[in-house]
Amino acid sequence: MKSKMIFAALILGSVLSASAQKRITITELPKASQEFLQKYFSHSTVEIVKKDAEHGEKGYEVILKDGTEIEFWKDGSYREVDGGNKPIPTEFIAASIKEYVAFKDAKVLSCKGSKVDWFVRKSL
């Protein structure tokens, strides 16, 4: 009986996970997301685009061929950019943050921003 309950829980978890992320085409992204990708990441090809419901917030996730992951809010503004261990473009990051990172002679590897808070992971 216990194993049947565990099995049922696993199946339910996989169904919920599958419904939380749905693959879509790049043309289904909000216009602001499409423009952001074109402006700052035209050097790489889009591999995967998903409609995502993370932490109860609807949004989008884009994975580029070079491994960079970009998350957008449902309105199309970017939520997070993660280049893994590779530097990301910084043109969209606030000037004060770029100046600080440049002062430390580092490269931005990822950023997570909002109107209130910023988190930037930099190289050493």
Foldseek 3Di string as FASTA:
>chain_A
DVVVVVVVVVVVVVVVVDVQKDWDDPVPAAPLQNVCCVVFPVVWAWDTKIFGQPPNFTWIWTATPQGWIWIAGNNNHTFKIAQDPDAGDCPPPDPVVVVVCVVVVWGWGMWGDDPPDIDTDTDD
